[in-house]
Amino acid sequence: MIKEKNLPAVIPFPADISEEIKNGKQEERLDVNIQTIAVPEEILSEPDMWMPQLFKKIEKAFAPKLGNDSQNKLALTLPLIREIRGDYKSKKMMISVIAVDVTPIIKAEAVYD
């Protein structure tokens, strides 16, 4: 009979690997996050209706790592808009934004110095 091993209940987020990166044991990678919302086709031409919701999702995704003031540390794509396939009744559109934490690049290039 194999004894099952219990996993820890809490996994820290984000993992602190900064010392390993400084020592050259691990490469630093960019943190990429994709956020998507579905909006009715009628309000697609009114970005004031759906943009705040999309940006709140992006801020929530990066808040544990960057804090509340993450505007100068993120690079965003333009909204990617596409139809939801097979959704003939409500005609909703999917809007996605790709966000990248560029803090490692800012540090390496000394952008704010």
C-alpha atoms as a PDB file:
ATOM      1  CA  MET A   1       0.000   0.000   0.000  1.00  0.00           C
ATOM      2  CA  ILE A   2       1.353   3.413  -1.004  1.00  0.00           C
ATOM      3  CA  LYS A   3       1.154   6.165   1.543  1.00  0.00           C
ATOM      4  CA  GLU A   4      -0.230   9.424   0.150  1.00  0.00           C
ATOM      5  CA  LYS A   5       1.730  12.578   0.831  1.00  0.00           C
ATOM      6  CA  ASN A   6      -0.268  15.662   1.804  1.00  0.00           C
ATOM      7  CA  LEU A   7       0.547  18.846  -0.066  1.00  0.00           C
ATOM      8  CA  PRO A   8       0.853  22.137   1.787  1.00  0.00           C
ATOM      9  CA  ALA A   9      -2.444  23.967   2.105  1.00  0.00           C
ATOM     10  CA  VAL A  10      -1.006  27.357   1.217  1.00  0.00           C
ATOM     11  CA  ILE A  11       1.319  27.943  -1.697  1.00  0.00           C
ATOM     12  CA  PRO A  12       3.011  31.363  -1.554  1.00  0.00           C
ATOM     13  CA  PHE A  13       2.372  33.645  -4.525  1.00  0.00           C
ATOM     14  CA  PRO A  14       4.531  34.861  -6.172  1.00  0.00           C
ATOM     15  CA  ALA A  15       7.483  32.589  -5.487  1.00  0.00           C
ATOM     16  CA  ASP A  16      10.534  34.482  -4.272  1.00  0.00           C
ATOM     17  CA  ILE A  17      13.362  33.420  -6.579  1.00  0.00           C
ATOM     18  CA  SER A  18      15.208  36.737  -6.646  1.00  0.00           C
ATOM     19  CA  GLU A  19      18.299  35.384  -4.820  1.00  0.00           C
ATOM     20  CA  GLU A  20      18.586  32.495  -7.287  1.00  0.00           C
ATOM     21  CA  ILE A  21      18.340  34.932 -10.193  1.00  0.00           C
ATOM     22  CA  LYS A  22      21.010  37.200  -8.687  1.00  0.00           C
ATOM     23  CA  ASN A  23      23.348  34.229  -8.185  1.00  0.00           C
ATOM     24  CA  GLY A  24      22.877  33.156 -11.802  1.00  0.00           C
ATOM     25  CA  LYS A  25      21.209  29.856 -10.921  1.00  0.00           C
ATOM     26  CA  GLN A  26      17.947  30.721 -12.634  1.00  0.00           C
ATOM     27  CA  GLU A  27      16.955  32.990 -15.521  1.00  0.00           C
ATOM     28  CA  GLU A  28      14.377  35.681 -14.945  1.00  0.00           C
ATOM     29  CA  ARG A  29      11.282  35.373 -17.129  1.00  0.00           C
ATOM     30  CA  LEU A  30       8.626  37.877 -18.012  1.00  0.00           C
ATOM     31  CA  ASP A  31       5.264  37.448 -16.313  1.00  0.00           C
ATOM     32  CA  VAL A  32       2.583  37.332 -19.042  1.00  0.00           C
ATOM     33  CA  ASN A  33      -1.139  37.332 -18.320  1.00  0.00           C
ATOM     34  CA  ILE A  34      -4.120  37.249 -20.704  1.00  0.00           C
ATOM     35  CA  GLN A  35      -7.458  38.615 -19.526  1.00  0.00           C
ATOM     36  CA  THR A  36     -10.695  38.207 -21.481  1.00  0.00           C
ATOM     37  CA  ILE A  37     -14.231  39.504 -21.095  1.00  0.00           C
ATOM     38  CA  ALA A  38     -17.374  38.887 -23.141  1.00  0.00           C
ATOM     39  CA  VAL A  39     -19.450  41.893 -24.167  1.00  0.00           C
ATOM     40  CA  PRO A  40     -22.640  42.205 -26.195  1.00  0.00           C
ATOM     41  CA  GLU A  41     -22.125  43.375 -29.753  1.00  0.00           C
ATOM     42  CA  GLU A  42     -24.318  46.439 -29.083  1.00  0.00           C
ATOM     43  CA  ILE A  43     -21.858  48.016 -26.621  1.00  0.00           C
ATOM     44  CA  LEU A  44     -18.706  47.093 -28.538  1.00  0.00           C
ATOM     45  CA  SER A  45     -18.536  50.590 -30.040  1.00  0.00           C
ATOM     46  CA  GLU A  46     -18.687  52.139 -26.537  1.00  0.00           C
ATOM     47  CA  PRO A  47     -15.346  51.295 -24.901  1.00  0.00           C
ATOM     48  CA  ASP A  48     -16.239  53.347 -21.807  1.00  0.00           C
ATOM     49  CA  MET A  49     -18.675  50.570 -20.922  1.00  0.00           C
ATOM     50  CA  TRP A  50     -16.291  47.583 -21.039  1.00  0.00           C
ATOM     51  CA  MET A  51     -12.719  48.928 -20.710  1.00  0.00           C
ATOM     52  CA  PRO A  52     -12.869  49.597 -16.925  1.00  0.00           C
ATOM     53  CA  GLN A  53     -13.984  46.009 -16.296  1.00  0.00           C
ATOM     54  CA  LEU A  54     -11.124  44.646 -18.401  1.00  0.00           C
ATOM     55  CA  PHE A  55      -8.504  46.839 -16.727  1.00  0.00           C
ATOM     56  CA  LYS A  56      -9.765  45.888 -13.250  1.00  0.00           C
ATOM     57  CA  LYS A  57      -9.168  42.229 -14.128  1.00  0.00           C
ATOM     58  CA  ILE A  58      -5.620  43.046 -15.247  1.00  0.00           C
ATOM     59  CA  GLU A  59      -4.908  45.034 -12.085  1.00  0.00           C
ATOM     60  CA  LYS A  60      -6.220  42.178  -9.910  1.00  0.00           C
ATOM     61  CA  ALA A  61      -3.986  39.687 -11.707  1.00  0.00           C
ATOM     62  CA  PHE A  62      -0.812  41.695 -11.053  1.00  0.00           C
ATOM     63  CA  ALA A  63      -1.699  43.238  -7.654  1.00  0.00           C
ATOM     64  CA  PRO A  64      -0.099  40.480  -5.510  1.00  0.00           C
ATOM     65  CA  LYS A  65       3.224  40.941  -7.273  1.00  0.00           C
ATOM     66  CA  LEU A  66       3.361  44.639  -8.167  1.00  0.00           C
ATOM     67  CA  GLY A  67       1.002  46.244  -5.693  1.00  0.00           C
ATOM     68  CA  ASN A  68      -1.726  48.711  -6.545  1.00  0.00           C
ATOM     69  CA  ASP A  69       0.544  51.078  -8.474  1.00  0.00           C
ATOM     70  CA  SER A  70       1.389  48.825 -11.428  1.00  0.00           C
ATOM     71  CA  GLN A  71       0.630  51.204 -14.303  1.00  0.00           C
ATOM     72  CA  ASN A  72       4.289  52.028 -15.025  1.00  0.00           C
ATOM     73  CA  LYS A  73       5.383  48.394 -14.824  1.00  0.00           C
ATOM     74  CA  LEU A  74       3.019  46.786 -17.346  1.00  0.00           C
ATOM     75  CA  ALA A  75       2.983  46.667 -21.130  1.00  0.00           C
ATOM     76  CA  LEU A  76      -0.410  45.989 -22.740  1.00  0.00           C
ATOM     77  CA  THR A  77      -1.526  45.040 -26.212  1.00  0.00           C
ATOM     78  CA  LEU A  78      -4.431  46.718 -27.905  1.00  0.00           C
ATOM     79  CA  PRO A  79      -7.739  44.930 -27.228  1.00  0.00           C
ATOM     80  CA  LEU A  80      -8.072  41.823 -29.377  1.00  0.00           C
ATOM     81  CA  ILE A  81     -11.702  41.476 -30.449  1.00  0.00           C
ATOM     82  CA  ARG A  82     -13.243  38.309 -31.865  1.00  0.00           C
ATOM     83  CA  GLU A  83     -16.632  36.636 -32.112  1.00  0.00           C
ATOM     84  CA  ILE A  84     -17.602  33.833 -29.775  1.00  0.00           C
ATOM     85  CA  ARG A  85     -18.108  30.906 -32.127  1.00  0.00           C
ATOM     86  CA  GLY A  86     -21.455  29.170 -31.865  1.00  0.00           C
ATOM     87  CA  ASP A  87     -23.029  32.006 -29.861  1.00  0.00           C
ATOM     88  CA  TYR A  88     -25.854  32.882 -32.255  1.00  0.00           C
ATOM     89  CA  LYS A  89     -28.435  33.929 -29.668  1.00  0.00           C
ATOM     90  CA  SER A  90     -26.647  36.666 -27.732  1.00  0.00           C
ATOM     91  CA  LYS A  91     -24.031  37.719 -30.339  1.00  0.00           C
ATOM     92  CA  LYS A  92     -21.333  38.360 -27.729  1.00  0.00           C
ATOM     93  CA  MET A  93     -17.796  39.367 -28.604  1.00  0.00           C
ATOM     94  CA  MET A  94     -14.670  38.297 -26.732  1.00  0.00           C
ATOM     95  CA  ILE A  95     -12.216  41.058 -25.904  1.00  0.00           C
ATOM     96  CA  SER A  96      -8.746  40.051 -24.741  1.00  0.00           C
ATOM     97  CA  VAL A  97      -5.725  42.023 -23.601  1.00  0.00           C
ATOM     98  CA  ILE A  98      -2.256  40.582 -23.119  1.00  0.00           C
ATOM     99  CA  ALA A  99      -0.378  42.190 -20.218  1.00  0.00           C
ATOM    100  CA  VAL A 100       3.334  41.769 -19.518  1.00  0.00           C
ATOM    101  CA  ASP A 101       5.199  42.748 -16.349  1.00  0.00           C
ATOM    102  CA  VAL A 102       8.228  44.610 -17.727  1.00  0.00           C
ATOM    103  CA  THR A 103       9.922  45.281 -14.373  1.00  0.00           C
ATOM    104  CA  PRO A 104      12.985  43.118 -15.270  1.00  0.00           C
ATOM    105  CA  ILE A 105      13.481  45.107 -18.485  1.00  0.00           C
ATOM    106  CA  ILE A 106      13.091  48.431 -16.679  1.00  0.00           C
ATOM    107  CA  LYS A 107      15.754  47.351 -14.161  1.00  0.00           C
ATOM    108  CA  ALA A 108      18.134  45.963 -16.792  1.00  0.00           C
ATOM    109  CA  GLU A 109      17.888  48.997 -19.061  1.00  0.00           C
ATOM    110  CA  ALA A 110      17.800  51.528 -16.181  1.00  0.00           C
ATOM    111  CA  VAL A 111      14.776  53.243 -17.711  1.00  0.00           C
ATOM    112  CA  TYR A 112      13.820  55.301 -14.645  1.00  0.00           C
ATOM    113  CA  ASP A 113      17.347  56.164 -13.477  1.00  0.00           C
END
